[in-house]
Amino acid sequence: MTATPACTATFSRVDGTMSAAFERRFDHPAAEVWRALTDPALLPQWLAPGEIELRLGGKVKLDFKDSGIAIDSTVTSFVEGRLLEYAWGGSGDPPRPVRWILEPDGDGCRLTLRITVPADEDVGRSAAGWEAHLEMLAATLEGVSIHFPFELFKAARDTYRARLAAADFAPQA
């Protein structure tokens, strides 16, 4: 739980989409992090209430009641304990894949998260939201419950928007 956002995401633009990739190392085994990413009892602590059917083609349902956002998606890539991908949105939304990759790293593991959004969306805002949720995931892994870190989100959003503008990754109209 940091006072300032890590803001370590790297960005790329491909075929009308923008991607942000995040890497985090946790001092927890991959199995423990996988459980936090997928267990319906732990999802509300760092993301939202819901469930993920852990199989290719499985249903993904997450309900962000406070914001009115509901994710109704399908698992599009899956390797038990290592890889999970689904779309961030509901039916009829443009594709916004969220891809989680876990790799053992000594006594802990390395988590890579890649999000992809349409290039005309605010990827800085999306990346900042995931910075906040990654902070909540880190807290969950330490057995600590925190609310959505809104100040961290705002600082990360401003930092990412500035970085994207300077790199000429500003949203396309």
C-alpha atoms as a PDB file:
ATOM      1  CA  MET A   1       0.000   0.000   0.000  1.00  0.00           C
ATOM      2  CA  THR A   2       1.865   2.981  -1.330  1.00  0.00           C
ATOM      3  CA  ALA A   3       1.185   6.671  -0.778  1.00  0.00           C
ATOM      4  CA  THR A   4       1.875   7.414  -4.430  1.00  0.00           C
ATOM      5  CA  PRO A   5       1.038   5.255  -7.426  1.00  0.00           C
ATOM      6  CA  ALA A   6       3.726   3.084  -8.974  1.00  0.00           C
ATOM      7  CA  CYS A   7       2.784   4.342 -12.466  1.00  0.00           C
ATOM      8  CA  THR A   8       4.973   1.716 -14.086  1.00  0.00           C
ATOM      9  CA  ALA A   9       2.594   0.760 -16.877  1.00  0.00           C
ATOM     10  CA  THR A  10       4.008   0.700 -20.375  1.00  0.00           C
ATOM     11  CA  PHE A  11       1.772   1.707 -23.265  1.00  0.00           C
ATOM     12  CA  SER A  12       1.451   0.663 -26.889  1.00  0.00           C
ATOM     13  CA  ARG A  13      -0.904   1.428 -29.748  1.00  0.00           C
ATOM     14  CA  VAL A  14      -1.897  -1.310 -32.202  1.00  0.00           C
ATOM     15  CA  ASP A  15      -4.654  -1.377 -34.816  1.00  0.00           C
ATOM     16  CA  GLY A  16      -6.990   1.178 -33.232  1.00  0.00           C
ATOM     17  CA  THR A  17      -6.392   0.025 -29.649  1.00  0.00           C
ATOM     18  CA  MET A  18      -4.253   1.175 -26.755  1.00  0.00           C
ATOM     19  CA  SER A  19      -2.720  -1.278 -24.297  1.00  0.00           C
ATOM     20  CA  ALA A  20      -1.222  -0.787 -20.875  1.00  0.00           C
ATOM     21  CA  ALA A  21       0.954  -3.473 -19.300  1.00  0.00           C
ATOM     22  CA  PHE A  22       1.649  -3.635 -15.556  1.00  0.00           C
ATOM     23  CA  GLU A  23       4.147  -5.864 -13.763  1.00  0.00           C
ATOM     24  CA  ARG A  24       4.153  -6.555 -10.048  1.00  0.00           C
ATOM     25  CA  ARG A  25       6.224  -8.914  -7.981  1.00  0.00           C
ATOM     26  CA  PHE A  26       4.548 -10.376  -4.926  1.00  0.00           C
ATOM     27  CA  ASP A  27       6.191 -12.173  -2.021  1.00  0.00           C
ATOM     28  CA  HIS A  28       3.416 -14.726  -2.259  1.00  0.00           C
ATOM     29  CA  PRO A  29       3.333 -17.986  -4.221  1.00  0.00           C
ATOM     30  CA  ALA A  30       1.582 -17.914  -7.593  1.00  0.00           C
ATOM     31  CA  ALA A  31      -1.162 -20.226  -6.242  1.00  0.00           C
ATOM     32  CA  GLU A  32      -2.044 -17.677  -3.557  1.00  0.00           C
ATOM     33  CA  VAL A  33      -2.187 -14.791  -6.042  1.00  0.00           C
ATOM     34  CA  TRP A  34      -4.219 -16.932  -8.472  1.00  0.00           C
ATOM     35  CA  ARG A  35      -6.709 -17.596  -5.677  1.00  0.00           C
ATOM     36  CA  ALA A  36      -7.062 -13.841  -5.041  1.00  0.00           C
ATOM     37  CA  LEU A  37      -7.615 -13.255  -8.776  1.00  0.00           C
ATOM     38  CA  THR A  38     -10.296 -15.914  -9.110  1.00  0.00           C
ATOM     39  CA  ASP A  39     -11.941 -16.865  -5.798  1.00  0.00           C
ATOM     40  CA  PRO A  40     -15.457 -15.381  -5.446  1.00  0.00           C
ATOM     41  CA  ALA A  41     -14.815 -14.946  -1.692  1.00  0.00           C
ATOM     42  CA  LEU A  42     -11.726 -12.769  -2.370  1.00  0.00           C
ATOM     43  CA  LEU A  43     -12.807 -10.837  -5.493  1.00  0.00           C
ATOM     44  CA  PRO A  44     -14.899  -8.296  -3.521  1.00  0.00           C
ATOM     45  CA  GLN A  45     -11.870  -7.407  -1.377  1.00  0.00           C
ATOM     46  CA  TRP A  46      -9.900  -5.977  -4.293  1.00  0.00           C
ATOM     47  CA  LEU A  47     -12.110  -5.857  -7.394  1.00  0.00           C
ATOM     48  CA  ALA A  48     -15.874  -6.476  -7.165  1.00  0.00           C
ATOM     49  CA  PRO A  49     -18.370  -9.126  -6.113  1.00  0.00           C
ATOM     50  CA  GLY A  50     -18.808 -11.787  -8.750  1.00  0.00           C
ATOM     51  CA  GLU A  51     -17.505 -15.015 -10.095  1.00  0.00           C
ATOM     52  CA  ILE A  52     -15.352 -16.373 -12.878  1.00  0.00           C
ATOM     53  CA  GLU A  53     -15.891 -19.844 -14.353  1.00  0.00           C
ATOM     54  CA  LEU A  54     -12.319 -21.083 -14.577  1.00  0.00           C
ATOM     55  CA  ARG A  55     -12.324 -22.626 -18.041  1.00  0.00           C
ATOM     56  CA  LEU A  56     -12.057 -21.454 -21.617  1.00  0.00           C
ATOM     57  CA  GLY A  57     -15.489 -20.083 -22.524  1.00  0.00           C
ATOM     58  CA  GLY A  58     -16.459 -19.765 -18.854  1.00  0.00           C
ATOM     59  CA  LYS A  59     -18.705 -16.926 -17.734  1.00  0.00           C
ATOM     60  CA  VAL A  60     -17.327 -13.852 -16.004  1.00  0.00           C
ATOM     61  CA  LYS A  61     -19.734 -11.775 -13.950  1.00  0.00           C
ATOM     62  CA  LEU A  62     -18.562  -8.869 -11.797  1.00  0.00           C
ATOM     63  CA  ASP A  63     -20.836  -6.229 -10.297  1.00  0.00           C
ATOM     64  CA  PHE A  64     -19.452  -2.811  -9.372  1.00  0.00           C
ATOM     65  CA  LYS A  65     -22.641  -1.780  -7.593  1.00  0.00           C
ATOM     66  CA  ASP A  66     -21.370   1.640  -6.466  1.00  0.00           C
ATOM     67  CA  SER A  67     -20.576   2.732 -10.028  1.00  0.00           C
ATOM     68  CA  GLY A  68     -23.388   0.907 -11.788  1.00  0.00           C
ATOM     69  CA  ILE A  69     -20.934  -1.059 -13.946  1.00  0.00           C
ATOM     70  CA  ALA A  70     -21.583  -4.747 -14.508  1.00  0.00           C
ATOM     71  CA  ILE A  71     -19.124  -6.997 -16.306  1.00  0.00           C
ATOM     72  CA  ASP A  72     -20.761  -9.816 -18.250  1.00  0.00           C
ATOM     73  CA  SER A  73     -18.041 -11.539 -20.209  1.00  0.00           C
ATOM     74  CA  THR A  74     -16.432 -14.818 -21.237  1.00  0.00           C
ATOM     75  CA  VAL A  75     -13.027 -16.318 -20.484  1.00  0.00           C
ATOM     76  CA  THR A  76     -11.092 -16.085 -23.772  1.00  0.00           C
ATOM     77  CA  SER A  77      -7.702 -17.494 -22.635  1.00  0.00           C
ATOM     78  CA  PHE A  78      -7.077 -19.836 -19.753  1.00  0.00           C
ATOM     79  CA  VAL A  79      -4.295 -21.940 -18.276  1.00  0.00           C
ATOM     80  CA  GLU A  80      -5.049 -23.060 -14.705  1.00  0.00           C
ATOM     81  CA  GLY A  81      -2.993 -21.135 -12.176  1.00  0.00           C
ATOM     82  CA  ARG A  82      -1.106 -19.171 -14.818  1.00  0.00           C
ATOM     83  CA  LEU A  83      -3.222 -17.323 -17.418  1.00  0.00           C
ATOM     84  CA  LEU A  84      -6.664 -15.737 -17.382  1.00  0.00           C
ATOM     85  CA  GLU A  85      -8.169 -13.384 -19.952  1.00  0.00           C
ATOM     86  CA  TYR A  86     -11.647 -11.973 -20.319  1.00  0.00           C
ATOM     87  CA  ALA A  87     -13.225  -8.827 -21.715  1.00  0.00           C
ATOM     88  CA  TRP A  88     -13.909  -5.831 -19.518  1.00  0.00           C
ATOM     89  CA  GLY A  89     -17.476  -4.911 -20.366  1.00  0.00           C
ATOM     90  CA  GLY A  90     -20.759  -6.404 -21.348  1.00  0.00           C
ATOM     91  CA  SER A  91     -22.313  -7.709 -24.522  1.00  0.00           C
ATOM     92  CA  GLY A  92     -22.377  -5.071 -27.236  1.00  0.00           C
ATOM     93  CA  ASP A  93     -19.386  -3.179 -25.783  1.00  0.00           C
ATOM     94  CA  PRO A  94     -16.195  -2.840 -27.807  1.00  0.00           C
ATOM     95  CA  PRO A  95     -13.598  -5.437 -26.822  1.00  0.00           C
ATOM     96  CA  ARG A  96     -11.504  -4.458 -23.781  1.00  0.00           C
ATOM     97  CA  PRO A  97      -9.422  -7.536 -22.938  1.00  0.00           C
ATOM     98  CA  VAL A  98      -7.916  -7.922 -19.478  1.00  0.00           C
ATOM     99  CA  ARG A  99      -5.107 -10.508 -19.417  1.00  0.00           C
ATOM    100  CA  TRP A 100      -3.500 -11.821 -16.205  1.00  0.00           C
ATOM    101  CA  ILE A 101      -0.270 -13.855 -16.349  1.00  0.00           C
ATOM    102  CA  LEU A 102       1.393 -15.383 -13.278  1.00  0.00           C
ATOM    103  CA  GLU A 103       4.942 -16.709 -13.224  1.00  0.00           C
ATOM    104  CA  PRO A 104       6.841 -18.162 -10.271  1.00  0.00           C
ATOM    105  CA  ASP A 105       9.709 -15.926  -9.112  1.00  0.00           C
ATOM    106  CA  GLY A 106      11.772 -17.346  -6.272  1.00  0.00           C
ATOM    107  CA  ASP A 107       9.577 -17.643  -3.171  1.00  0.00           C
ATOM    108  CA  GLY A 108       6.989 -15.346  -4.765  1.00  0.00           C
ATOM    109  CA  CYS A 109       5.614 -14.658  -8.205  1.00  0.00           C
ATOM    110  CA  ARG A 110       5.479 -12.070 -10.942  1.00  0.00           C
ATOM    111  CA  LEU A 111       2.081 -10.839 -12.100  1.00  0.00           C
ATOM    112  CA  THR A 112       1.684  -9.232 -15.512  1.00  0.00           C
ATOM    113  CA  LEU A 113      -1.590  -7.493 -16.283  1.00  0.00           C
ATOM    114  CA  ARG A 114      -2.333  -6.206 -19.783  1.00  0.00           C
ATOM    115  CA  ILE A 115      -5.422  -4.150 -20.491  1.00  0.00           C
ATOM    116  CA  THR A 116      -6.504  -3.095 -23.972  1.00  0.00           C
ATOM    117  CA  VAL A 117      -9.073  -0.424 -24.815  1.00  0.00           C
ATOM    118  CA  PRO A 118     -10.228   1.276 -28.016  1.00  0.00           C
ATOM    119  CA  ALA A 119      -7.738   4.036 -28.931  1.00  0.00           C
ATOM    120  CA  ASP A 120     -10.420   6.723 -28.633  1.00  0.00           C
ATOM    121  CA  GLU A 121     -10.984   5.918 -24.943  1.00  0.00           C
ATOM    122  CA  ASP A 122      -9.083   7.432 -22.027  1.00  0.00           C
ATOM    123  CA  VAL A 123      -6.415   4.779 -21.455  1.00  0.00           C
ATOM    124  CA  GLY A 124      -4.825   6.988 -18.766  1.00  0.00           C
ATOM    125  CA  ARG A 125      -8.011   6.755 -16.718  1.00  0.00           C
ATOM    126  CA  SER A 126      -8.297   3.004 -17.324  1.00  0.00           C
ATOM    127  CA  ALA A 127      -4.656   2.437 -16.337  1.00  0.00           C
ATOM    128  CA  ALA A 128      -5.156   4.519 -13.186  1.00  0.00           C
ATOM    129  CA  GLY A 129      -8.160   2.406 -12.230  1.00  0.00           C
ATOM    130  CA  TRP A 130      -6.066  -0.736 -12.529  1.00  0.00           C
ATOM    131  CA  GLU A 131      -3.254   0.882 -10.491  1.00  0.00           C
ATOM    132  CA  ALA A 132      -5.817   1.340  -7.720  1.00  0.00           C
ATOM    133  CA  HIS A 133      -7.121  -2.222  -8.007  1.00  0.00           C
ATOM    134  CA  LEU A 134      -3.576  -3.618  -8.032  1.00  0.00           C
ATOM    135  CA  GLU A 135      -2.970  -1.704  -4.806  1.00  0.00           C
ATOM    136  CA  MET A 136      -6.105  -3.294  -3.366  1.00  0.00           C
ATOM    137  CA  LEU A 137      -4.910  -6.726  -4.574  1.00  0.00           C
ATOM    138  CA  ALA A 138      -1.570  -6.200  -2.804  1.00  0.00           C
ATOM    139  CA  ALA A 139      -3.425  -5.292   0.397  1.00  0.00           C
ATOM    140  CA  THR A 140      -5.674  -8.340   0.084  1.00  0.00           C
ATOM    141  CA  LEU A 141      -2.627 -10.581  -0.250  1.00  0.00           C
ATOM    142  CA  GLU A 142      -1.297  -9.082   2.989  1.00  0.00           C
ATOM    143  CA  GLY A 143      -4.601  -9.747   4.755  1.00  0.00           C
ATOM    144  CA  VAL A 144      -5.538  -6.055   4.875  1.00  0.00           C
ATOM    145  CA  SER A 145      -8.815  -4.632   3.635  1.00  0.00           C
ATOM    146  CA  ILE A 146      -8.746  -1.188   2.011  1.00  0.00           C
ATOM    147  CA  HIS A 147     -11.326   0.880   0.185  1.00  0.00           C
ATOM    148  CA  PHE A 148     -10.749   1.969  -3.384  1.00  0.00           C
ATOM    149  CA  PRO A 149      -7.772   4.373  -3.089  1.00  0.00           C
ATOM    150  CA  PHE A 150      -9.345   7.336  -4.872  1.00  0.00           C
ATOM    151  CA  GLU A 151      -6.452   9.741  -4.211  1.00  0.00           C
ATOM    152  CA  LEU A 152      -4.005   7.223  -5.661  1.00  0.00           C
ATOM    153  CA  PHE A 153      -6.325   6.792  -8.662  1.00  0.00           C
ATOM    154  CA  LYS A 154      -6.431  10.562  -9.287  1.00  0.00           C
ATOM    155  CA  ALA A 155      -2.654  10.940  -9.028  1.00  0.00           C
ATOM    156  CA  ALA A 156      -2.072   7.957 -11.343  1.00  0.00           C
ATOM    157  CA  ARG A 157      -4.643   9.251 -13.833  1.00  0.00           C
ATOM    158  CA  ASP A 158      -2.904  12.637 -14.021  1.00  0.00           C
ATOM    159  CA  THR A 159       0.528  11.027 -14.336  1.00  0.00           C
ATOM    160  CA  TYR A 160      -0.573   8.606 -17.050  1.00  0.00           C
ATOM    161  CA  ARG A 161      -2.445  11.248 -19.030  1.00  0.00           C
ATOM    162  CA  ALA A 162       0.659  13.474 -18.983  1.00  0.00           C
ATOM    163  CA  ARG A 163       2.930  10.589 -20.031  1.00  0.00           C
ATOM    164  CA  LEU A 164       0.586   9.579 -22.831  1.00  0.00           C
ATOM    165  CA  ALA A 165       0.294  13.149 -24.127  1.00  0.00           C
ATOM    166  CA  ALA A 166       4.079  13.593 -24.078  1.00  0.00           C
ATOM    167  CA  ALA A 167       4.510  10.310 -25.962  1.00  0.00           C
ATOM    168  CA  ASP A 168       1.866  11.330 -28.508  1.00  0.00           C
ATOM    169  CA  PHE A 169      -0.453   8.577 -27.269  1.00  0.00           C
ATOM    170  CA  ALA A 170      -3.301  11.036 -26.756  1.00  0.00           C
ATOM    171  CA  PRO A 171      -6.745   9.618 -27.594  1.00  0.00           C
ATOM    172  CA  GLN A 172      -7.657   9.764 -31.263  1.00  0.00           C
ATOM    173  CA  ALA A 173     -10.933  11.431 -32.159  1.00  0.00           C
END
